[in-house]
Protein backbone atom coordinates (compact mmCIF):
# COMPACT_ATOMS: atom_id res chain seq x y z
CA UNK A 1 -3.16 39.99 -130.22
CA UNK A 2 -0.08 40.45 -128.14
CA UNK A 3 -2.06 42.40 -125.60
CA UNK A 4 -4.57 39.57 -125.16
CA UNK A 5 -1.84 37.03 -124.67
CA UNK A 6 -0.20 39.18 -122.11
CA UNK A 7 -3.52 39.61 -120.29
CA UNK A 8 -4.20 35.92 -120.35
CA UNK A 9 -0.80 35.23 -118.94
CA UNK A 10 -1.39 37.74 -116.19
CA UNK A 11 -4.70 36.13 -115.31
CA UNK A 12 -3.12 32.72 -115.25
CA UNK A 13 -0.40 34.09 -112.98
CA UNK A 14 -2.93 35.53 -110.57
CA UNK A 15 -4.92 32.29 -110.52
CA UNK A 16 -1.76 30.30 -109.94
CA UNK A 17 -0.71 32.67 -107.16
CA UNK A 18 -4.05 32.45 -105.51
CA UNK A 19 -4.02 28.70 -105.80
CA UNK A 20 -0.52 28.54 -104.33
CA UNK A 21 -1.59 30.91 -101.45
CA UNK A 22 -4.57 28.78 -100.52
CA UNK A 23 -2.44 25.63 -100.57
CA UNK A 24 0.21 27.26 -98.39
CA UNK A 25 -2.46 28.36 -95.84
CA UNK A 26 -3.97 24.91 -95.74
CA UNK A 27 -0.51 23.40 -95.24
CA UNK A 28 0.11 25.81 -92.33
CA UNK A 29 -3.21 24.87 -90.78
CA UNK A 30 -2.42 21.15 -91.06
CA UNK A 31 0.96 21.62 -89.45
CA UNK A 32 -0.55 23.63 -86.58
CA UNK A 33 -3.20 20.96 -86.01
CA UNK A 34 -0.59 18.24 -85.88
CA UNK A 35 1.43 20.28 -83.36
CA UNK A 36 -1.61 20.67 -81.14
CA UNK A 37 -2.35 16.95 -81.34
CA UNK A 38 1.27 16.22 -80.46
CA UNK A 39 1.18 18.60 -77.47
CA UNK A 40 -2.13 17.12 -76.28
CA UNK A 41 -0.64 13.60 -76.50
CA UNK A 42 2.41 14.66 -74.51
CA UNK A 43 0.21 16.26 -71.83
CA UNK A 44 -1.92 13.08 -71.58
CA UNK A 45 1.24 10.98 -71.19
CA UNK A 46 2.52 13.28 -68.45
CA UNK A 47 -0.78 13.04 -66.57
CA UNK A 48 -0.74 9.25 -66.81
CA UNK A 49 2.74 9.17 -65.28
CA UNK A 50 1.64 11.37 -62.37
CA UNK A 51 -1.50 9.29 -61.80
CA UNK A 52 0.20 5.88 -61.92
CA UNK A 53 3.34 6.81 -59.92
CA UNK A 54 3.30 5.37 -56.32
CA UNK A 55 2.83 7.87 -53.50
CA UNK A 56 3.63 7.38 -49.83
CA UNK A 57 0.69 6.07 -47.81
CA UNK A 58 -0.57 8.42 -45.10
CA UNK A 59 0.26 7.27 -41.54
CA UNK A 60 -2.33 4.91 -40.10
CA UNK A 61 -4.39 6.61 -37.46
CA UNK A 62 -4.25 5.17 -33.93
CA UNK A 63 -7.60 6.72 -33.05
CA UNK A 64 -10.45 4.19 -32.65
CA UNK A 65 -12.76 4.05 -35.65
CA UNK A 66 -15.95 5.89 -34.92
CA UNK A 67 -19.13 4.48 -36.43
CA UNK A 68 -22.73 5.51 -36.04
CA UNK A 69 -23.15 3.00 -33.28
CA UNK A 70 -20.02 4.07 -31.39
CA UNK A 71 -20.03 7.80 -32.08
CA UNK A 72 -20.12 9.80 -28.84
CA UNK A 73 -22.86 12.25 -28.16
CA UNK A 74 -22.23 15.92 -28.80
CA UNK A 75 -20.17 17.48 -26.03
CA UNK A 76 -18.42 14.25 -25.03
CA UNK A 77 -14.93 13.08 -25.87
CA UNK A 78 -13.70 9.71 -27.05
CA UNK A 79 -12.25 7.72 -24.15
CA UNK A 80 -8.88 6.29 -25.03
CA UNK A 81 -7.87 2.97 -23.44
CA UNK A 82 -5.75 3.38 -20.31
CA UNK A 83 -2.08 2.39 -20.67
CA UNK A 84 -0.94 -0.89 -19.18
CA UNK A 85 0.33 -0.54 -15.58
CA UNK A 86 4.07 -0.40 -15.22
CA UNK A 87 5.48 -2.89 -12.71
CA UNK A 88 8.67 -1.68 -11.12
CA UNK A 89 11.24 -4.20 -9.86
CA UNK A 90 11.35 -2.46 -6.47
CA UNK A 91 7.85 -3.67 -5.43
CA UNK A 92 8.98 -6.98 -3.85
CA UNK A 93 11.86 -5.59 -1.76
CA UNK A 94 9.56 -2.85 -0.48
CA UNK A 95 7.34 -5.44 1.23
CA UNK A 96 10.33 -6.86 3.10
CA UNK A 97 11.28 -3.38 4.22
CA UNK A 98 7.74 -2.84 5.50
CA UNK A 99 7.87 -6.06 7.53
CA UNK A 100 11.21 -5.04 8.96
CA UNK A 101 9.84 -1.61 9.80
CA UNK A 102 6.92 -3.30 11.61
CA UNK A 103 9.34 -5.34 13.71
CA UNK A 104 11.29 -2.21 14.54
CA UNK A 105 8.08 -0.44 15.61
CA UNK A 106 7.17 -3.34 17.93
CA UNK A 107 10.65 -3.30 19.48
CA UNK A 108 10.46 0.48 19.90
CA UNK A 109 7.06 0.14 21.61
CA UNK A 110 8.51 -2.39 24.07
CA UNK A 111 11.44 -0.10 24.82
CA UNK A 112 9.01 2.75 25.40
CA UNK A 113 6.88 0.61 27.73
CA UNK A 114 9.81 -0.32 29.95
CA UNK A 115 12.18 2.64 29.52
CA UNK A 116 11.07 4.47 32.68
CA UNK A 117 9.28 3.92 35.95
CA UNK A 118 5.54 4.03 35.33
CA UNK A 119 2.45 3.89 37.52
CA UNK A 120 -0.32 2.04 35.75
CA UNK A 121 -3.35 -0.23 35.72
CA UNK A 122 -3.09 -3.77 34.33
CA UNK A 123 -6.37 -4.33 32.45
CA UNK A 124 -7.27 -7.77 31.08
CA UNK A 125 -8.44 -7.64 27.45
CA UNK A 126 -10.89 -10.57 27.80
CA UNK A 127 -12.61 -9.63 31.07
CA UNK A 128 -12.11 -5.86 31.07
CA UNK A 129 -11.16 -6.09 34.78
CA UNK A 130 -7.95 -4.90 36.43
CA UNK A 131 -5.26 -6.57 38.58
CA UNK A 132 -6.29 -5.87 42.19
CA UNK A 133 -5.65 -6.54 45.89
CA UNK A 134 -8.74 -7.53 47.93
CA UNK A 135 -10.75 -4.69 49.47
CA UNK A 136 -9.39 -1.13 49.47
CA UNK A 137 -6.68 -1.30 52.08
CA UNK A 138 -2.97 -1.89 51.68
CA UNK A 139 -2.17 -5.56 51.22
CA UNK A 140 0.29 -7.68 53.17
CA UNK A 141 2.79 -10.40 52.39
CA UNK A 142 1.04 -13.48 51.04
CA UNK A 143 -2.06 -11.46 50.02
CA UNK A 144 -3.92 -12.71 46.91
CA UNK A 145 -3.62 -10.87 43.61
CA UNK A 146 -6.91 -11.06 41.72
CA UNK A 147 -9.05 -8.96 39.32
CA UNK A 148 -11.81 -6.45 39.96
CA UNK A 149 -13.71 -3.62 38.31
CA UNK A 150 -11.19 -0.99 37.29
CA UNK A 151 -11.03 2.06 39.56
CA UNK A 152 -7.78 3.83 38.68
CA UNK A 153 -7.75 6.14 41.70
CA UNK A 154 -5.51 6.07 44.75
CA UNK A 155 -8.57 5.22 46.89
CA UNK A 156 -8.32 1.64 45.63
CA UNK A 157 -5.23 -0.58 45.46
CA UNK A 158 -5.09 -1.36 41.71
CA UNK A 159 -2.24 1.00 40.84
CA UNK A 160 1.15 -0.67 40.25
CA UNK A 161 4.56 0.93 39.95
CA UNK A 162 6.50 -0.76 37.16
CA UNK A 163 10.30 -0.64 37.28
CA UNK A 164 12.99 -2.41 35.23
CA UNK A 165 15.69 -3.81 37.54
CA UNK A 166 17.16 -5.95 34.73
CA UNK A 167 17.10 -3.95 31.45
CA UNK A 168 17.89 -6.00 28.32
CA UNK A 169 18.15 -9.29 30.27
CA UNK A 170 15.02 -10.91 28.83
CA UNK A 171 14.44 -12.87 25.58
CA UNK A 172 15.49 -10.83 22.55
CA UNK A 173 17.13 -8.27 24.86
CA UNK A 174 13.76 -7.25 26.31
CA UNK A 175 13.73 -5.55 29.71
CA UNK A 176 12.76 -7.57 32.79
CA UNK A 177 10.29 -5.63 34.95
CA UNK A 178 8.56 -5.99 38.31
CA UNK A 179 5.24 -4.62 39.59
CA UNK A 180 5.01 -3.12 43.08
CA UNK A 181 1.59 -2.17 44.46
CA UNK A 182 1.49 1.58 44.95
CA UNK A 183 -0.43 1.38 48.25
CA UNK A 184 1.63 -1.27 50.08
CA UNK A 185 4.94 -1.38 48.15
CA UNK A 186 4.83 -5.19 47.78
CA UNK A 187 5.56 -6.94 44.48
CA UNK A 188 3.47 -9.23 42.32
CA UNK A 189 5.11 -12.57 43.04
CA UNK A 190 4.85 -16.38 42.85
CA UNK A 191 5.30 -18.69 45.86
CA UNK A 192 8.82 -19.67 46.95
CA UNK A 193 11.58 -19.17 44.37
CA UNK A 194 12.40 -20.33 40.85
CA UNK A 195 10.17 -21.91 38.21
CA UNK A 196 6.50 -22.61 39.05
CA UNK A 197 4.00 -24.80 37.13
CA UNK A 198 0.90 -23.91 35.12
CA UNK A 199 -1.96 -22.72 37.33
CA UNK A 200 0.20 -21.25 40.13
CA UNK A 201 -1.66 -18.30 41.72
CA UNK A 202 -0.06 -14.90 42.27
CA UNK A 203 0.46 -13.26 45.67
CA UNK A 204 2.31 -10.31 47.16
CA UNK A 205 5.84 -10.43 48.59
CA UNK A 206 8.79 -8.18 49.33
CA UNK A 207 10.42 -6.94 46.12
CA UNK A 208 13.83 -8.47 45.36
CA UNK A 209 14.39 -7.78 41.66
CA UNK A 210 16.85 -10.69 41.44
CA UNK A 211 17.18 -13.24 38.65
CA UNK A 212 16.89 -16.10 41.18
CA UNK A 213 13.40 -15.10 42.27
CA UNK A 214 10.22 -15.25 40.16
CA UNK A 215 9.04 -11.61 40.36
CA UNK A 216 10.52 -10.61 36.99
CA UNK A 217 8.34 -10.39 33.87
CA UNK A 218 8.82 -9.45 30.21
CA UNK A 219 6.44 -8.19 27.54
CA UNK A 220 5.48 -9.79 24.25
CA UNK A 221 3.45 -7.65 21.77
CA UNK A 222 -0.06 -9.16 21.35
CA UNK A 223 -1.63 -6.70 18.88
CA UNK A 224 -3.91 -3.66 19.18
CA UNK A 225 -1.67 -2.07 21.80
CA UNK A 226 -1.85 -5.07 24.14
CA UNK A 227 0.93 -7.31 25.51
CA UNK A 228 1.39 -10.72 27.05
CA UNK A 229 3.09 -10.50 30.45
CA UNK A 230 5.39 -13.53 30.74
CA UNK A 231 7.17 -14.79 33.84
CA UNK A 232 10.90 -15.08 33.19
CA UNK A 233 11.68 -17.79 35.80
CA UNK A 234 8.66 -20.01 35.09
CA UNK A 235 9.38 -21.10 31.50
CA UNK A 236 7.92 -17.80 30.21
CA UNK A 237 4.32 -18.71 31.15
CA UNK A 238 1.74 -15.92 30.80
CA UNK A 239 -0.11 -13.91 33.40
CA UNK A 240 -3.82 -14.71 32.96
CA UNK A 241 -7.17 -15.09 34.76
CA UNK A 242 -7.99 -18.35 36.56
CA UNK A 243 -11.02 -20.43 35.59
CA UNK A 244 -12.70 -21.20 32.29
CA UNK A 245 -15.46 -19.58 30.28
CA UNK A 246 -17.86 -17.48 32.32
CA UNK A 247 -15.77 -17.97 35.48
CA UNK A 248 -13.09 -15.70 34.07
CA UNK A 249 -15.57 -12.83 33.91
CA UNK A 250 -16.31 -12.87 37.65
CA UNK A 251 -14.76 -10.19 39.87
CA UNK A 252 -12.26 -11.40 42.49
CA UNK A 253 -11.05 -14.28 40.28
CA UNK A 254 -7.39 -15.08 41.08
CA UNK A 255 -4.59 -14.25 38.65
CA UNK A 256 -2.38 -17.21 37.72
CA UNK A 257 0.36 -18.18 35.28
CA UNK A 258 -0.53 -20.46 32.38
CA UNK A 259 -0.13 -21.33 28.72
CA UNK A 260 -0.09 -18.29 26.44
CA UNK A 261 -3.02 -19.28 24.24
CA UNK A 262 -5.10 -17.42 21.68
CA UNK A 263 -7.75 -16.56 24.32
CA UNK A 264 -7.73 -12.87 25.19
CA UNK A 265 -7.39 -13.52 28.94
CA UNK A 266 -3.62 -13.75 28.43
CA UNK A 267 -3.54 -10.26 26.89
CA UNK A 268 -3.21 -7.08 28.93
CA UNK A 269 -3.38 -3.35 28.37
CA UNK A 270 -1.02 -1.09 30.32
CA UNK A 271 -3.03 2.00 31.21
CA UNK A 272 -1.22 5.02 32.66
């Protein structure tokens, strides 16, 4: 009897132990599951914070947007717009300096023209003919000064020796010059002395080089390497060809003084 009771108690103890072991294992499993759920929740919360936190925007590209319509062909590059031109404040003063430099060049050219004795032809720009003495011989006092086809050799009498007896005495400190014919030594002159009117014809006379006579001339730049030859005593009238229109083109036309107009017959080239 006692043995049976003891056995029954032992069985009950084993059953109770087994029951308690299963319960403890289930409790452990429940706790582990809750821990995993808790960890998963914490990870989800952390990811939400990373996803919703603001991040700095990438810098906006300055490159032009390329679409299918604007995409360049293979092997070509995208052309960037050229930068705006930079205007420097020195542009305006530079123009004034250029104008001043032009004036200085013109003055230098005049000084070069009259700085030394020169033997030259006086060729009219409009007619293309040269200052001349009639025929081929040496002229004489009172001989006409006219124009004729340019020769340029010492066989003719178109060569003139230019000298400057009054340097710096003309308008704007220009040199006053005179022209002596190389063949006869007589100067290009106007009748009598002093100022003469428009249309007065030139002739030859003995060279004086004085301010009281009317043999002195000065140069005014007239463009393209030409000059106007102006008589100092006669109100600065210009040396030109007599006549009008087609008359001016005729050989042997007289040279006169007149108004310095826009017509090319008051412009001359000095040909060495």
